[in-house]
């Protein structure tokens, strides 16, 4: 029976597809910045950043192998003026180069270290207007 080589090839292709899809999916979720009214939602390479008064759309890329990540802010609303902390957060996010996940904590490393906490969808919807 000659099915074994075909089965092996299909298994290898399935594994390669799984590993290539893992990068951005592994950080998908909704996170809050503890002690601040800021949140970020990430989903398959795009996301939203909720600041004190405004929100920003963003895109991101990850590499699961070396745990690198980069963010690009696409644009922000201008409901009101951004606070100094809002500006610092946007600046810090644009300088992030690496990440790690530890339990429910999501660490972003760059010029600053940002620590976020994963929350369930409902909790973010109750507290924030995504």
N, C-alpha and C. Protein backbone atom coordinates (compact mmCIF):
# COMPACT_ATOMS: atom_id res chain seq x y z
N UNK A 1 0.85 -1.18 0.00
CA UNK A 1 0.00 0.00 0.00
C UNK A 1 0.90 1.24 0.00
N UNK A 2 0.69 2.17 -0.93
CA UNK A 2 1.56 3.33 -1.12
C UNK A 2 1.01 4.61 -0.48
N UNK A 3 0.11 4.53 0.46
CA UNK A 3 -0.48 5.72 1.07
C UNK A 3 0.43 6.37 2.11
N UNK A 4 1.37 5.65 2.64
CA UNK A 4 2.22 6.18 3.71
C UNK A 4 2.98 7.45 3.29
N UNK A 5 3.65 7.53 2.13
CA UNK A 5 4.33 8.77 1.75
C UNK A 5 3.36 9.95 1.59
N UNK A 6 2.18 9.71 1.04
CA UNK A 6 1.19 10.78 0.89
C UNK A 6 0.73 11.26 2.26
N UNK A 7 0.49 10.34 3.16
CA UNK A 7 0.07 10.67 4.52
C UNK A 7 1.16 11.49 5.22
N UNK A 8 2.41 11.11 5.06
CA UNK A 8 3.54 11.82 5.66
C UNK A 8 3.63 13.24 5.12
N UNK A 9 3.50 13.41 3.84
CA UNK A 9 3.56 14.74 3.22
C UNK A 9 2.42 15.61 3.73
N UNK A 10 1.21 15.06 3.79
CA UNK A 10 0.06 15.83 4.30
C UNK A 10 0.26 16.21 5.77
N UNK A 11 0.83 15.32 6.54
CA UNK A 11 1.10 15.62 7.96
C UNK A 11 2.10 16.76 8.09
N UNK A 12 3.15 16.73 7.29
CA UNK A 12 4.16 17.79 7.33
C UNK A 12 3.54 19.12 6.90
N UNK A 13 2.73 19.12 5.85
CA UNK A 13 2.08 20.36 5.41
C UNK A 13 1.15 20.90 6.48
N UNK A 14 0.42 20.03 7.16
CA UNK A 14 -0.47 20.47 8.23
C UNK A 14 0.32 21.11 9.37
N UNK A 15 1.45 20.51 9.73
CA UNK A 15 2.29 21.09 10.78
C UNK A 15 2.85 22.45 10.36
N UNK A 16 3.32 22.56 9.15
CA UNK A 16 3.85 23.84 8.66
C UNK A 16 2.78 24.91 8.68
N UNK A 17 1.57 24.59 8.26
CA UNK A 17 0.48 25.55 8.28
C UNK A 17 0.16 25.97 9.71
N UNK A 18 0.14 25.02 10.62
CA UNK A 18 -0.15 25.32 12.02
C UNK A 18 0.90 26.26 12.59
N UNK A 19 2.18 26.00 12.35
CA UNK A 19 3.23 26.85 12.88
C UNK A 19 3.22 28.24 12.25
N UNK A 20 2.92 28.33 10.97
CA UNK A 20 2.91 29.65 10.33
C UNK A 20 1.73 30.48 10.80
N UNK A 21 0.63 29.86 11.17
CA UNK A 21 -0.56 30.59 11.62
C UNK A 21 -0.48 30.95 13.10
N UNK A 22 0.45 30.34 13.85
CA UNK A 22 0.50 30.55 15.29
C UNK A 22 0.95 31.94 15.69
N UNK A 23 1.78 32.59 14.94
CA UNK A 23 2.38 33.85 15.34
C UNK A 23 1.40 34.88 15.83
N UNK A 24 0.51 35.34 14.98
CA UNK A 24 -0.40 36.39 15.37
C UNK A 24 -1.56 35.87 16.21
N UNK A 25 -1.97 34.63 16.00
CA UNK A 25 -3.05 34.09 16.79
C UNK A 25 -2.68 33.96 18.26
N UNK A 26 -1.41 33.74 18.56
CA UNK A 26 -1.01 33.52 19.94
C UNK A 26 -1.19 34.77 20.80
N UNK A 27 -1.21 35.95 20.22
CA UNK A 27 -1.40 37.18 20.99
C UNK A 27 -2.81 37.74 20.84
N UNK A 28 -3.66 37.07 20.07
CA UNK A 28 -5.04 37.54 19.93
C UNK A 28 -5.71 37.64 21.29
N UNK A 29 -6.46 38.70 21.50
CA UNK A 29 -7.19 38.83 22.74
C UNK A 29 -7.39 40.28 23.11
N UNK A 30 -8.01 40.46 24.25
CA UNK A 30 -8.26 41.79 24.79
C UNK A 30 -7.49 41.92 26.09
N UNK A 31 -6.79 43.03 26.23
CA UNK A 31 -5.90 43.24 27.36
C UNK A 31 -6.16 44.62 27.96
N UNK A 32 -5.92 44.74 29.26
CA UNK A 32 -5.99 46.04 29.91
C UNK A 32 -4.64 46.36 30.53
N UNK A 33 -4.37 47.64 30.66
CA UNK A 33 -3.19 48.11 31.36
C UNK A 33 -3.63 48.29 32.81
N UNK A 34 -3.09 47.49 33.70
CA UNK A 34 -3.51 47.51 35.09
C UNK A 34 -3.35 48.91 35.68
N UNK A 35 -4.33 49.32 36.46
CA UNK A 35 -4.36 50.61 37.16
C UNK A 35 -4.59 51.81 36.24
N UNK A 36 -4.86 51.57 34.97
CA UNK A 36 -5.15 52.66 34.04
C UNK A 36 -6.38 52.30 33.23
N UNK A 37 -7.06 53.28 32.72
CA UNK A 37 -8.25 53.04 31.89
C UNK A 37 -7.86 52.91 30.43
N UNK A 38 -6.91 52.05 30.14
CA UNK A 38 -6.45 51.81 28.79
C UNK A 38 -6.64 50.34 28.46
N UNK A 39 -6.95 50.06 27.21
CA UNK A 39 -7.13 48.67 26.78
C UNK A 39 -6.63 48.53 25.35
N UNK A 40 -6.29 47.31 24.99
CA UNK A 40 -5.87 47.01 23.63
C UNK A 40 -6.52 45.69 23.23
N UNK A 41 -6.99 45.66 21.99
CA UNK A 41 -7.60 44.45 21.45
C UNK A 41 -6.82 44.06 20.21
N UNK A 42 -6.35 42.81 20.15
CA UNK A 42 -5.55 42.32 19.04
C UNK A 42 -6.24 41.13 18.39
N UNK A 43 -6.28 41.15 17.05
CA UNK A 43 -6.93 40.06 16.34
C UNK A 43 -6.33 39.90 14.95
N UNK A 44 -5.52 38.86 14.76
CA UNK A 44 -4.99 38.49 13.46
C UNK A 44 -4.32 39.64 12.70
N UNK A 45 -3.46 40.38 13.37
CA UNK A 45 -2.67 41.41 12.70
C UNK A 45 -3.25 42.81 12.74
N UNK A 46 -4.45 42.97 13.28
CA UNK A 46 -5.03 44.31 13.43
C UNK A 46 -5.53 44.47 14.86
N UNK A 47 -5.82 45.70 15.23
CA UNK A 47 -6.30 45.90 16.58
C UNK A 47 -6.74 47.31 16.86
N UNK A 48 -7.13 47.53 18.11
CA UNK A 48 -7.57 48.83 18.59
C UNK A 48 -6.89 49.12 19.92
N UNK A 49 -6.56 50.37 20.12
CA UNK A 49 -5.98 50.84 21.37
C UNK A 49 -6.95 51.88 21.93
N UNK A 50 -7.46 51.64 23.14
CA UNK A 50 -8.38 52.57 23.78
C UNK A 50 -7.62 53.39 24.80
N UNK A 51 -7.53 54.69 24.54
CA UNK A 51 -6.84 55.61 25.43
C UNK A 51 -7.84 56.25 26.38
N UNK A 52 -7.44 57.27 27.13
CA UNK A 52 -8.34 57.90 28.09
C UNK A 52 -9.54 58.57 27.43
N UNK A 53 -9.34 59.18 26.27
CA UNK A 53 -10.46 59.84 25.57
C UNK A 53 -10.61 59.38 24.12
N UNK A 54 -9.55 58.99 23.50
CA UNK A 54 -9.55 58.63 22.09
C UNK A 54 -9.22 57.16 21.91
N UNK A 55 -9.41 56.68 20.69
CA UNK A 55 -9.00 55.31 20.37
C UNK A 55 -8.20 55.34 19.07
N UNK A 56 -7.35 54.33 18.90
CA UNK A 56 -6.50 54.24 17.72
C UNK A 56 -6.66 52.88 17.08
N UNK A 57 -6.61 52.85 15.76
CA UNK A 57 -6.54 51.60 15.02
C UNK A 57 -5.07 51.29 14.81
N UNK A 58 -4.73 50.01 14.81
CA UNK A 58 -3.33 49.64 14.63
C UNK A 58 -3.22 48.34 13.87
N UNK A 59 -2.02 48.09 13.41
CA UNK A 59 -1.69 46.79 12.83
C UNK A 59 -0.44 46.31 13.55
N UNK A 60 -0.24 44.99 13.52
CA UNK A 60 0.94 44.44 14.18
C UNK A 60 1.39 43.18 13.46
N UNK A 61 2.66 42.87 13.66
CA UNK A 61 3.24 41.65 13.11
C UNK A 61 4.02 40.96 14.22
N UNK A 62 3.93 39.64 14.25
CA UNK A 62 4.66 38.87 15.25
C UNK A 62 5.50 37.81 14.57
N UNK A 63 6.51 37.36 15.30
CA UNK A 63 7.31 36.21 14.89
C UNK A 63 7.37 35.30 16.11
N UNK A 64 6.69 34.18 16.03
CA UNK A 64 6.60 33.24 17.16
C UNK A 64 7.97 32.69 17.55
N UNK A 65 8.86 32.51 16.58
CA UNK A 65 10.16 31.90 16.84
C UNK A 65 11.01 32.74 17.79
N UNK A 66 11.17 34.03 17.48
CA UNK A 66 12.02 34.88 18.32
C UNK A 66 11.22 35.82 19.22
N UNK A 67 9.89 35.65 19.24
CA UNK A 67 8.99 36.45 20.08
C UNK A 67 9.11 37.94 19.79
N UNK A 68 9.32 38.28 18.52
CA UNK A 68 9.36 39.69 18.14
C UNK A 68 7.96 40.15 17.75
N UNK A 69 7.71 41.42 17.95
CA UNK A 69 6.42 42.02 17.60
C UNK A 69 6.66 43.48 17.26
N UNK A 70 5.91 43.98 16.30
CA UNK A 70 5.99 45.41 15.98
C UNK A 70 4.58 45.92 15.75
N UNK A 71 4.35 47.16 16.17
CA UNK A 71 3.05 47.81 16.04
C UNK A 71 3.18 49.03 15.15
N UNK A 72 2.15 49.28 14.36
CA UNK A 72 2.05 50.49 13.56
C UNK A 72 0.67 51.10 13.83
N UNK A 73 0.66 52.33 14.36
CA UNK A 73 -0.61 53.02 14.57
C UNK A 73 -1.10 53.54 13.24
N UNK A 74 -2.36 53.22 12.91
CA UNK A 74 -2.92 53.62 11.62
C UNK A 74 -3.62 54.97 11.70
N UNK A 75 -4.17 55.30 12.84
CA UNK A 75 -4.87 56.56 13.00
C UNK A 75 -5.66 56.55 14.29
N UNK A 76 -5.88 57.75 14.83
CA UNK A 76 -6.59 57.88 16.11
C UNK A 76 -7.71 58.89 15.98
N UNK A 77 -8.75 58.68 16.78
CA UNK A 77 -9.84 59.65 16.84
C UNK A 77 -9.33 60.89 17.57
N UNK A 78 -10.05 61.98 17.42
CA UNK A 78 -9.68 63.23 18.10
C UNK A 78 -10.91 63.80 18.82
N UNK A 79 -11.50 62.98 19.72
CA UNK A 79 -12.65 63.44 20.50
C UNK A 79 -12.23 64.62 21.37
N UNK A 80 -11.07 64.50 21.94
CA UNK A 80 -10.50 65.55 22.77
C UNK A 80 -8.99 65.41 22.72
N UNK A 81 -8.34 66.28 23.39
CA UNK A 81 -6.88 66.25 23.40
C UNK A 81 -6.37 65.04 24.17
N UNK A 82 -5.28 64.47 23.71
CA UNK A 82 -4.65 63.35 24.39
C UNK A 82 -3.86 63.85 25.60
N UNK A 83 -3.90 63.07 26.67
CA UNK A 83 -3.11 63.42 27.85
C UNK A 83 -1.65 63.09 27.59
N UNK A 84 -0.79 63.53 28.50
CA UNK A 84 0.63 63.21 28.37
C UNK A 84 0.85 61.70 28.45
N UNK A 85 0.09 61.03 29.31
CA UNK A 85 0.20 59.58 29.43
C UNK A 85 -0.26 58.88 28.15
N UNK A 86 -1.31 59.39 27.51
CA UNK A 86 -1.75 58.84 26.21
C UNK A 86 -0.63 58.91 25.19
N UNK A 87 0.02 60.07 25.11
CA UNK A 87 1.11 60.25 24.15
C UNK A 87 2.29 59.33 24.46
N UNK A 88 2.61 59.17 25.75
CA UNK A 88 3.69 58.27 26.13
C UNK A 88 3.37 56.83 25.75
N UNK A 89 2.12 56.43 25.95
CA UNK A 89 1.72 55.06 25.62
C UNK A 89 1.81 54.82 24.12
N UNK A 90 1.32 55.75 23.31
CA UNK A 90 1.41 55.60 21.85
C UNK A 90 2.86 55.52 21.41
N UNK A 91 3.71 56.36 21.99
CA UNK A 91 5.13 56.36 21.66
C UNK A 91 5.78 55.05 22.08
N UNK A 92 5.49 54.58 23.29
CA UNK A 92 6.06 53.32 23.77
C UNK A 92 5.62 52.15 22.91
N UNK A 93 4.36 52.12 22.52
CA UNK A 93 3.85 51.02 21.70
C UNK A 93 4.55 50.96 20.35
N UNK A 94 4.84 52.11 19.77
CA UNK A 94 5.51 52.13 18.47
C UNK A 94 6.97 51.68 18.56
N UNK A 95 7.53 51.64 19.77
CA UNK A 95 8.92 51.22 19.96
C UNK A 95 9.06 49.78 20.45
N UNK A 96 7.95 49.08 20.60
CA UNK A 96 7.98 47.70 21.09
C UNK A 96 8.62 46.80 20.03
N UNK A 97 9.49 45.89 20.49
CA UNK A 97 10.18 44.97 19.57
C UNK A 97 10.02 43.50 19.95
N UNK A 98 9.59 43.22 21.18
CA UNK A 98 9.50 41.83 21.62
C UNK A 98 8.35 41.68 22.61
N UNK A 99 7.94 40.43 22.80
CA UNK A 99 6.85 40.15 23.74
C UNK A 99 7.07 38.82 24.43
N UNK A 100 6.36 38.63 25.53
CA UNK A 100 6.29 37.33 26.18
C UNK A 100 4.92 37.21 26.84
N UNK A 101 4.47 35.99 26.97
CA UNK A 101 3.19 35.71 27.62
C UNK A 101 3.49 34.87 28.85
N UNK A 102 2.97 35.30 29.98
CA UNK A 102 3.14 34.53 31.22
C UNK A 102 1.81 34.53 31.95
N UNK A 103 1.17 33.37 31.96
CA UNK A 103 -0.18 33.22 32.49
C UNK A 103 -1.10 34.21 31.80
N UNK A 104 -1.71 35.12 32.54
CA UNK A 104 -2.61 36.09 31.92
C UNK A 104 -1.92 37.42 31.66
N UNK A 105 -0.61 37.48 31.89
CA UNK A 105 0.13 38.72 31.66
C UNK A 105 0.78 38.70 30.28
N UNK A 106 0.72 39.83 29.60
CA UNK A 106 1.27 40.03 28.27
C UNK A 106 2.30 41.13 28.38
N UNK A 107 3.58 40.79 28.25
CA UNK A 107 4.67 41.75 28.39
C UNK A 107 5.12 42.23 27.02
N UNK A 108 5.24 43.55 26.87
CA UNK A 108 5.74 44.15 25.64
C UNK A 108 7.04 44.87 25.98
N UNK A 109 8.11 44.55 25.25
CA UNK A 109 9.43 45.10 25.54
C UNK A 109 9.88 46.03 24.42
N UNK A 110 10.45 47.13 24.80
CA UNK A 110 11.00 48.11 23.86
C UNK A 110 11.79 49.11 24.67
N UNK A 111 11.60 50.39 24.41
CA UNK A 111 12.23 51.42 25.23
C UNK A 111 11.70 51.33 26.66
N UNK A 112 10.44 50.94 26.80
CA UNK A 112 9.81 50.71 28.10
C UNK A 112 9.28 49.28 28.11
N UNK A 113 8.99 48.76 29.28
CA UNK A 113 8.32 47.48 29.39
C UNK A 113 6.87 47.75 29.77
N UNK A 114 5.96 47.29 28.92
CA UNK A 114 4.53 47.46 29.17
C UNK A 114 3.97 46.12 29.63
N UNK A 115 3.19 46.14 30.70
CA UNK A 115 2.59 44.91 31.21
C UNK A 115 1.08 45.05 31.09
N UNK A 116 0.49 44.11 30.36
CA UNK A 116 -0.95 44.11 30.16
C UNK A 116 -1.52 42.82 30.75
N UNK A 117 -2.80 42.83 31.02
CA UNK A 117 -3.45 41.66 31.59
C UNK A 117 -4.62 41.25 30.70
N UNK A 118 -4.65 39.98 30.33
CA UNK A 118 -5.70 39.47 29.45
C UNK A 118 -7.01 39.42 30.21
N UNK A 119 -8.07 39.85 29.53
CA UNK A 119 -9.40 39.83 30.12
C UNK A 119 -10.36 39.13 29.17
N UNK A 120 -11.46 38.69 29.70
CA UNK A 120 -12.49 38.08 28.86
C UNK A 120 -13.17 39.19 28.07
N UNK A 121 -13.71 38.85 26.93
CA UNK A 121 -14.39 39.80 26.05
C UNK A 121 -15.43 40.62 26.80
N UNK A 122 -16.26 39.97 27.57
CA UNK A 122 -17.36 40.64 28.25
C UNK A 122 -16.86 41.72 29.19
N UNK A 123 -15.75 41.44 29.91
CA UNK A 123 -15.21 42.42 30.86
C UNK A 123 -14.79 43.70 30.15
N UNK A 124 -14.15 43.59 29.00
CA UNK A 124 -13.73 44.78 28.27
C UNK A 124 -14.96 45.51 27.74
N UNK A 125 -15.95 44.79 27.23
CA UNK A 125 -17.15 45.44 26.71
C UNK A 125 -17.90 46.18 27.80
N UNK A 126 -17.92 45.62 29.01
CA UNK A 126 -18.61 46.27 30.12
C UNK A 126 -17.90 47.56 30.53
N UNK A 127 -16.57 47.53 30.55
CA UNK A 127 -15.79 48.67 31.03
C UNK A 127 -15.41 49.66 29.95
N UNK A 128 -15.27 49.20 28.70
CA UNK A 128 -14.78 50.05 27.64
C UNK A 128 -15.70 49.94 26.42
N UNK A 129 -15.64 50.89 25.57
CA UNK A 129 -16.49 50.90 24.37
C UNK A 129 -15.68 50.53 23.14
N UNK A 130 -15.34 49.26 22.98
CA UNK A 130 -14.64 48.82 21.78
C UNK A 130 -15.62 48.75 20.65
